[in-house]
Amino acid sequence: MIRARFRLRLPSDLWIGDVSRAFPNASLRLLAAAPTGDRTLELGEIRADDPRRVAAAIADHRDVVAHELLHCDGERALSKYETRDQALFEFLGGSSLLPEFPLLVEDGAMTFGITATRSDFDAFGDTLDASGVRYDLLSVVHREADGDLLTDRQLECLTAAERLGYFEVPRDCTLAEVADALGVDTSTASETIRRGTARVLEQFLLDR
């Protein structure tokens, strides 16, 4: 199996691309989505200096037909909304591989991961190439044939660390924040990240 991450430039006719380009320093995370007839019901998170303002822009967008603000504080907002814009999921669904949530959207670009067989991964790449959409392949990790590359806990920890920006340079969060998100102490988070990172690097170097 292959785990890969992509960054895809969103077309100008997608509502979430419009909002993210209007607030380039905000991070919009699609946490869940489900089609409901000709609409899509979505759960989204905003991280920004003024999340209420970004949430208001989402609610006011012409393609968003219903919006409910579930939570808002000084840095984060959580909302549920319905949109008539299904182009993103129609495009991704046409490849037979759906991206894994959460989907991160920043300044008109969406970052997402997939897990696929080699043949499905190649087909997904062909779909992206044929679409003409600009994209970058950020990472590819091959899982071992006789089992998963990472334990469930290592995968959970590394995913949380990546999502929160722990691997960014400079880092967007501290080890303590990763540990808090996982509900573990910092020493456990540190050890799990270290072991998981070592496994990923070992597999990557063996594949070179």
C-alpha atoms as a PDB file:
ATOM      1  CA  MET A   1       0.000   0.000   0.000  1.00  0.00           C
ATOM      2  CA  ILE A   2       0.984   3.607  -0.572  1.00  0.00           C
ATOM      3  CA  ARG A   3       0.236   6.632   1.583  1.00  0.00           C
ATOM      4  CA  ALA A   4       0.688   9.910  -0.248  1.00  0.00           C
ATOM      5  CA  ARG A   5       0.032  13.584   0.361  1.00  0.00           C
ATOM      6  CA  PHE A   6      -0.839  16.121  -2.306  1.00  0.00           C
ATOM      7  CA  ARG A   7      -1.248  19.879  -2.495  1.00  0.00           C
ATOM      8  CA  LEU A   8      -3.766  20.901  -5.128  1.00  0.00           C
ATOM      9  CA  ARG A   9      -4.492  24.430  -6.369  1.00  0.00           C
ATOM     10  CA  LEU A  10      -8.244  24.883  -6.205  1.00  0.00           C
ATOM     11  CA  PRO A  11     -10.118  26.176  -9.255  1.00  0.00           C
ATOM     12  CA  SER A  12     -11.505  29.694  -8.969  1.00  0.00           C
ATOM     13  CA  ASP A  13     -15.122  28.494  -9.022  1.00  0.00           C
ATOM     14  CA  LEU A  14     -14.991  26.622  -5.690  1.00  0.00           C
ATOM     15  CA  TRP A  15     -16.399  28.499  -2.686  1.00  0.00           C
ATOM     16  CA  ILE A  16     -13.743  27.330  -0.260  1.00  0.00           C
ATOM     17  CA  GLY A  17     -11.047  28.509  -2.662  1.00  0.00           C
ATOM     18  CA  ASP A  18     -12.722  31.934  -2.806  1.00  0.00           C
ATOM     19  CA  VAL A  19     -12.859  32.245   0.983  1.00  0.00           C
ATOM     20  CA  SER A  20      -9.320  30.967   1.556  1.00  0.00           C
ATOM     21  CA  ARG A  21      -7.880  33.389  -0.987  1.00  0.00           C
ATOM     22  CA  ALA A  22      -9.767  36.240   0.697  1.00  0.00           C
ATOM     23  CA  PHE A  23      -8.143  35.240   4.019  1.00  0.00           C
ATOM     24  CA  PRO A  24      -4.705  33.895   2.970  1.00  0.00           C
ATOM     25  CA  ASN A  25      -3.420  33.595   6.552  1.00  0.00           C
ATOM     26  CA  ALA A  26      -6.352  31.468   7.712  1.00  0.00           C
ATOM     27  CA  SER A  27      -6.370  27.670   7.850  1.00  0.00           C
ATOM     28  CA  LEU A  28      -9.645  26.030   6.822  1.00  0.00           C
ATOM     29  CA  ARG A  29     -10.060  22.359   7.672  1.00  0.00           C
ATOM     30  CA  LEU A  30     -12.850  20.236   6.253  1.00  0.00           C
ATOM     31  CA  LEU A  31     -13.382  17.684   9.006  1.00  0.00           C
ATOM     32  CA  ALA A  32     -16.244  15.747   7.409  1.00  0.00           C
ATOM     33  CA  ALA A  33     -18.579  15.937   4.427  1.00  0.00           C
ATOM     34  CA  ALA A  34     -21.565  14.006   3.094  1.00  0.00           C
ATOM     35  CA  PRO A  35     -23.707  14.524  -0.023  1.00  0.00           C
ATOM     36  CA  THR A  36     -27.379  15.308   0.570  1.00  0.00           C
ATOM     37  CA  GLY A  37     -29.091  15.287  -2.815  1.00  0.00           C
ATOM     38  CA  ASP A  38     -27.791  18.224  -4.815  1.00  0.00           C
ATOM     39  CA  ARG A  39     -25.985  19.708  -1.805  1.00  0.00           C
ATOM     40  CA  THR A  40     -23.091  18.780   0.469  1.00  0.00           C
ATOM     41  CA  LEU A  41     -23.280  18.911   4.266  1.00  0.00           C
ATOM     42  CA  GLU A  42     -19.885  19.789   5.751  1.00  0.00           C
ATOM     43  CA  LEU A  43     -18.240  20.233   9.131  1.00  0.00           C
ATOM     44  CA  GLY A  44     -15.423  22.739   9.039  1.00  0.00           C
ATOM     45  CA  GLU A  45     -12.848  24.263  11.352  1.00  0.00           C
ATOM     46  CA  ILE A  46     -11.269  27.712  11.003  1.00  0.00           C
ATOM     47  CA  ARG A  47      -8.001  28.752  12.589  1.00  0.00           C
ATOM     48  CA  ALA A  48      -7.308  32.447  12.121  1.00  0.00           C
ATOM     49  CA  ASP A  49      -6.598  35.712  13.930  1.00  0.00           C
ATOM     50  CA  ASP A  50     -10.290  36.593  13.551  1.00  0.00           C
ATOM     51  CA  PRO A  51     -12.156  33.296  12.990  1.00  0.00           C
ATOM     52  CA  ARG A  52     -15.596  34.902  13.400  1.00  0.00           C
ATOM     53  CA  ARG A  53     -14.919  37.150  10.389  1.00  0.00           C
ATOM     54  CA  VAL A  54     -13.898  34.158   8.260  1.00  0.00           C
ATOM     55  CA  ALA A  55     -16.983  32.232   9.405  1.00  0.00           C
ATOM     56  CA  ALA A  56     -19.149  35.183   8.392  1.00  0.00           C
ATOM     57  CA  ALA A  57     -17.549  35.160   4.920  1.00  0.00           C
ATOM     58  CA  ILE A  58     -18.396  31.456   4.584  1.00  0.00           C
ATOM     59  CA  ALA A  59     -21.995  32.069   5.667  1.00  0.00           C
ATOM     60  CA  ASP A  60     -22.327  34.950   3.166  1.00  0.00           C
ATOM     61  CA  HIS A  61     -20.887  33.077   0.181  1.00  0.00           C
ATOM     62  CA  ARG A  62     -23.428  32.584  -2.608  1.00  0.00           C
ATOM     63  CA  ASP A  63     -22.830  28.802  -2.716  1.00  0.00           C
ATOM     64  CA  VAL A  64     -23.386  28.281   1.024  1.00  0.00           C
ATOM     65  CA  VAL A  65     -27.130  27.871   1.588  1.00  0.00           C
ATOM     66  CA  ALA A  66     -27.142  27.185   5.348  1.00  0.00           C
ATOM     67  CA  HIS A  67     -24.592  27.876   8.087  1.00  0.00           C
ATOM     68  CA  GLU A  68     -24.517  27.169  11.827  1.00  0.00           C
ATOM     69  CA  LEU A  69     -21.673  28.428  14.015  1.00  0.00           C
ATOM     70  CA  LEU A  70     -21.090  25.718  16.625  1.00  0.00           C
ATOM     71  CA  HIS A  71     -18.134  27.250  18.460  1.00  0.00           C
ATOM     72  CA  CYS A  72     -15.966  30.349  18.230  1.00  0.00           C
ATOM     73  CA  ASP A  73     -13.159  31.767  20.360  1.00  0.00           C
ATOM     74  CA  GLY A  74     -10.227  34.056  19.690  1.00  0.00           C
ATOM     75  CA  GLU A  75      -8.347  31.602  17.450  1.00  0.00           C
ATOM     76  CA  ARG A  76     -10.730  28.857  16.334  1.00  0.00           C
ATOM     77  CA  ALA A  77     -14.240  28.424  14.979  1.00  0.00           C
ATOM     78  CA  LEU A  78     -16.220  25.279  14.252  1.00  0.00           C
ATOM     79  CA  SER A  79     -19.261  25.379  11.979  1.00  0.00           C
ATOM     80  CA  LYS A  80     -21.697  23.165  10.098  1.00  0.00           C
ATOM     81  CA  TYR A  81     -22.959  24.266   6.722  1.00  0.00           C
ATOM     82  CA  GLU A  82     -24.617  23.161   3.503  1.00  0.00           C
ATOM     83  CA  THR A  83     -23.253  24.103   0.106  1.00  0.00           C
ATOM     84  CA  ARG A  84     -24.617  23.616  -3.376  1.00  0.00           C
ATOM     85  CA  ASP A  85     -21.043  23.445  -4.706  1.00  0.00           C
ATOM     86  CA  GLN A  86     -20.199  19.760  -5.189  1.00  0.00           C
ATOM     87  CA  ALA A  87     -17.491  20.206  -7.828  1.00  0.00           C
ATOM     88  CA  LEU A  88     -14.624  19.313  -5.505  1.00  0.00           C
ATOM     89  CA  PHE A  89     -16.090  15.992  -4.401  1.00  0.00           C
ATOM     90  CA  GLU A  90     -17.301  15.156  -7.889  1.00  0.00           C
ATOM     91  CA  PHE A  91     -13.777  15.665  -9.183  1.00  0.00           C
ATOM     92  CA  LEU A  92     -12.099  13.646  -6.436  1.00  0.00           C
ATOM     93  CA  GLY A  93     -14.796  10.985  -6.412  1.00  0.00           C
ATOM     94  CA  GLY A  94     -14.344  10.428 -10.140  1.00  0.00           C
ATOM     95  CA  SER A  95     -10.966   8.890  -9.417  1.00  0.00           C
ATOM     96  CA  SER A  96     -12.550   6.184  -7.161  1.00  0.00           C
ATOM     97  CA  LEU A  97     -10.193   7.329  -4.388  1.00  0.00           C
ATOM     98  CA  LEU A  98     -11.577   9.761  -1.836  1.00  0.00           C
ATOM     99  CA  PRO A  99      -9.162  11.946   0.140  1.00  0.00           C
ATOM    100  CA  GLU A 100      -8.755  11.343   3.848  1.00  0.00           C
ATOM    101  CA  PHE A 101     -10.145  13.901   6.260  1.00  0.00           C
ATOM    102  CA  PRO A 102      -9.268  16.439   7.430  1.00  0.00           C
ATOM    103  CA  LEU A 103      -8.634  18.374   4.227  1.00  0.00           C
ATOM    104  CA  LEU A 104      -6.548  21.486   4.808  1.00  0.00           C
ATOM    105  CA  VAL A 105      -7.204  24.565   2.658  1.00  0.00           C
ATOM    106  CA  GLU A 106      -4.908  27.590   2.798  1.00  0.00           C
ATOM    107  CA  ASP A 107      -4.713  30.491   0.343  1.00  0.00           C
ATOM    108  CA  GLY A 108      -6.437  28.635  -2.482  1.00  0.00           C
ATOM    109  CA  ALA A 109      -4.559  25.344  -2.088  1.00  0.00           C
ATOM    110  CA  MET A 110      -5.856  22.110  -0.584  1.00  0.00           C
ATOM    111  CA  THR A 111      -3.568  19.595   1.131  1.00  0.00           C
ATOM    112  CA  PHE A 112      -4.848  16.048   1.548  1.00  0.00           C
ATOM    113  CA  GLY A 113      -3.722  12.443   1.858  1.00  0.00           C
ATOM    114  CA  ILE A 114      -4.757   9.168   0.260  1.00  0.00           C
ATOM    115  CA  THR A 115      -4.063   5.499   0.942  1.00  0.00           C
ATOM    116  CA  ALA A 116      -4.010   3.335  -2.168  1.00  0.00           C
ATOM    117  CA  THR A 117      -2.621   0.334  -3.940  1.00  0.00           C
ATOM    118  CA  ARG A 118       0.076   1.018  -6.517  1.00  0.00           C
ATOM    119  CA  SER A 119      -2.403   0.713  -9.397  1.00  0.00           C
ATOM    120  CA  ASP A 120      -4.958   3.003  -7.757  1.00  0.00           C
ATOM    121  CA  PHE A 121      -2.239   5.510  -6.898  1.00  0.00           C
ATOM    122  CA  ASP A 122      -1.081   5.582 -10.520  1.00  0.00           C
ATOM    123  CA  ALA A 123      -4.690   5.971 -11.711  1.00  0.00           C
ATOM    124  CA  PHE A 124      -5.217   8.847  -9.298  1.00  0.00           C
ATOM    125  CA  GLY A 125      -2.119  10.581 -10.661  1.00  0.00           C
ATOM    126  CA  ASP A 126      -3.415  10.079 -14.203  1.00  0.00           C
ATOM    127  CA  THR A 127      -6.729  11.672 -13.194  1.00  0.00           C
ATOM    128  CA  LEU A 128      -4.937  14.695 -11.755  1.00  0.00           C
ATOM    129  CA  ASP A 129      -2.732  15.025 -14.828  1.00  0.00           C
ATOM    130  CA  ALA A 130      -5.705  14.813 -17.186  1.00  0.00           C
ATOM    131  CA  SER A 131      -7.653  17.432 -15.211  1.00  0.00           C
ATOM    132  CA  GLY A 132      -5.105  20.147 -15.851  1.00  0.00           C
ATOM    133  CA  VAL A 133      -5.271  21.166 -12.171  1.00  0.00           C
ATOM    134  CA  ARG A 134      -1.950  22.305 -10.723  1.00  0.00           C
ATOM    135  CA  TYR A 135      -0.741  20.043  -7.937  1.00  0.00           C
ATOM    136  CA  ASP A 136       2.348  18.944  -6.018  1.00  0.00           C
ATOM    137  CA  LEU A 137       3.097  15.482  -4.697  1.00  0.00           C
ATOM    138  CA  LEU A 138       4.353  16.273  -1.198  1.00  0.00           C
ATOM    139  CA  SER A 139       5.244  12.810   0.075  1.00  0.00           C
ATOM    140  CA  VAL A 140       4.978   9.108  -0.704  1.00  0.00           C
ATOM    141  CA  VAL A 141       5.423   6.355   1.874  1.00  0.00           C
ATOM    142  CA  HIS A 142       5.322   2.670   0.938  1.00  0.00           C
ATOM    143  CA  ARG A 143       3.897   0.359   3.572  1.00  0.00           C
ATOM    144  CA  GLU A 144       5.566  -2.988   4.049  1.00  0.00           C
ATOM    145  CA  ALA A 145       3.984  -5.906   2.231  1.00  0.00           C
ATOM    146  CA  ASP A 146       3.689  -7.996   5.405  1.00  0.00           C
ATOM    147  CA  GLY A 147       2.136  -5.310   7.584  1.00  0.00           C
ATOM    148  CA  ASP A 148       1.669  -1.633   8.234  1.00  0.00           C
ATOM    149  CA  LEU A 149       4.711   0.603   8.233  1.00  0.00           C
ATOM    150  CA  LEU A 150       3.568   2.260  11.461  1.00  0.00           C
ATOM    151  CA  THR A 151       1.618   1.110  14.465  1.00  0.00           C
ATOM    152  CA  ASP A 152      -1.823   2.673  14.855  1.00  0.00           C
ATOM    153  CA  ARG A 153      -0.473   4.841  17.686  1.00  0.00           C
ATOM    154  CA  GLN A 154       2.544   6.002  15.673  1.00  0.00           C
ATOM    155  CA  LEU A 155       0.319   6.856  12.725  1.00  0.00           C
ATOM    156  CA  GLU A 156      -2.097   8.757  14.962  1.00  0.00           C
ATOM    157  CA  CYS A 157       0.746  10.672  16.602  1.00  0.00           C
ATOM    158  CA  LEU A 158       2.557  11.568  13.382  1.00  0.00           C
ATOM    159  CA  THR A 159      -0.710  12.580  11.709  1.00  0.00           C
ATOM    160  CA  ALA A 160      -1.589  14.885  14.603  1.00  0.00           C
ATOM    161  CA  ALA A 161       1.914  16.355  14.646  1.00  0.00           C
ATOM    162  CA  GLU A 162       1.810  17.018  10.903  1.00  0.00           C
ATOM    163  CA  ARG A 163      -1.700  18.494  11.063  1.00  0.00           C
ATOM    164  CA  LEU A 164      -0.750  20.867  13.883  1.00  0.00           C
ATOM    165  CA  GLY A 165       2.441  21.996  12.136  1.00  0.00           C
ATOM    166  CA  TYR A 166       5.002  20.307  14.395  1.00  0.00           C
ATOM    167  CA  PHE A 167       7.217  19.423  11.411  1.00  0.00           C
ATOM    168  CA  GLU A 168       7.079  22.893   9.853  1.00  0.00           C
ATOM    169  CA  VAL A 169      10.188  25.113   9.888  1.00  0.00           C
ATOM    170  CA  PRO A 170       9.788  27.044  12.113  1.00  0.00           C
ATOM    171  CA  ARG A 171       7.348  24.882  14.052  1.00  0.00           C
ATOM    172  CA  ASP A 172       3.730  26.002  14.304  1.00  0.00           C
ATOM    173  CA  CYS A 173       3.171  24.144  17.563  1.00  0.00           C
ATOM    174  CA  THR A 174       5.067  22.690  20.505  1.00  0.00           C
ATOM    175  CA  LEU A 175       5.474  19.067  21.536  1.00  0.00           C
ATOM    176  CA  ALA A 176       3.241  19.834  24.519  1.00  0.00           C
ATOM    177  CA  GLU A 177       0.456  20.948  22.150  1.00  0.00           C
ATOM    178  CA  VAL A 178       0.758  17.702  20.177  1.00  0.00           C
ATOM    179  CA  ALA A 179       0.635  15.720  23.406  1.00  0.00           C
ATOM    180  CA  ASP A 180      -2.415  17.674  24.565  1.00  0.00           C
ATOM    181  CA  ALA A 181      -4.221  17.007  21.276  1.00  0.00           C
ATOM    182  CA  LEU A 182      -3.557  13.274  21.713  1.00  0.00           C
ATOM    183  CA  GLY A 183      -4.347  13.196  25.418  1.00  0.00           C
ATOM    184  CA  VAL A 184      -0.911  11.840  26.413  1.00  0.00           C
ATOM    185  CA  ASP A 185       2.094  13.205  28.285  1.00  0.00           C
ATOM    186  CA  THR A 186       4.933  14.900  26.423  1.00  0.00           C
ATOM    187  CA  SER A 187       7.416  12.062  26.982  1.00  0.00           C
ATOM    188  CA  THR A 188       5.024   9.563  25.365  1.00  0.00           C
ATOM    189  CA  ALA A 189       4.379  11.908  22.426  1.00  0.00           C
ATOM    190  CA  SER A 190       8.109  12.509  21.991  1.00  0.00           C
ATOM    191  CA  GLU A 191       8.988   8.809  22.014  1.00  0.00           C
ATOM    192  CA  THR A 192       6.143   7.880  19.639  1.00  0.00           C
ATOM    193  CA  ILE A 193       7.065  10.636  17.177  1.00  0.00           C
ATOM    194  CA  ARG A 194      10.738   9.620  17.334  1.00  0.00           C
ATOM    195  CA  ARG A 195      10.029   5.942  16.681  1.00  0.00           C
ATOM    196  CA  GLY A 196       7.470   6.661  13.981  1.00  0.00           C
ATOM    197  CA  THR A 197       9.747   9.137  12.204  1.00  0.00           C
ATOM    198  CA  ALA A 198      12.605   6.627  12.317  1.00  0.00           C
ATOM    199  CA  ARG A 199      10.364   3.986  10.688  1.00  0.00           C
ATOM    200  CA  VAL A 200       9.281   6.351   7.920  1.00  0.00           C
ATOM    201  CA  LEU A 201      12.865   7.442   7.227  1.00  0.00           C
ATOM    202  CA  GLU A 202      14.114   3.854   7.233  1.00  0.00           C
ATOM    203  CA  GLN A 203      11.459   2.768   4.742  1.00  0.00           C
ATOM    204  CA  PHE A 204      12.024   5.830   2.547  1.00  0.00           C
ATOM    205  CA  LEU A 205      15.793   5.287   2.431  1.00  0.00           C
ATOM    206  CA  LEU A 206      15.348   1.597   1.657  1.00  0.00           C
ATOM    207  CA  ASP A 207      13.122   2.542  -1.295  1.00  0.00           C
ATOM    208  CA  ARG A 208      15.712   4.921  -2.775  1.00  0.00           C
END
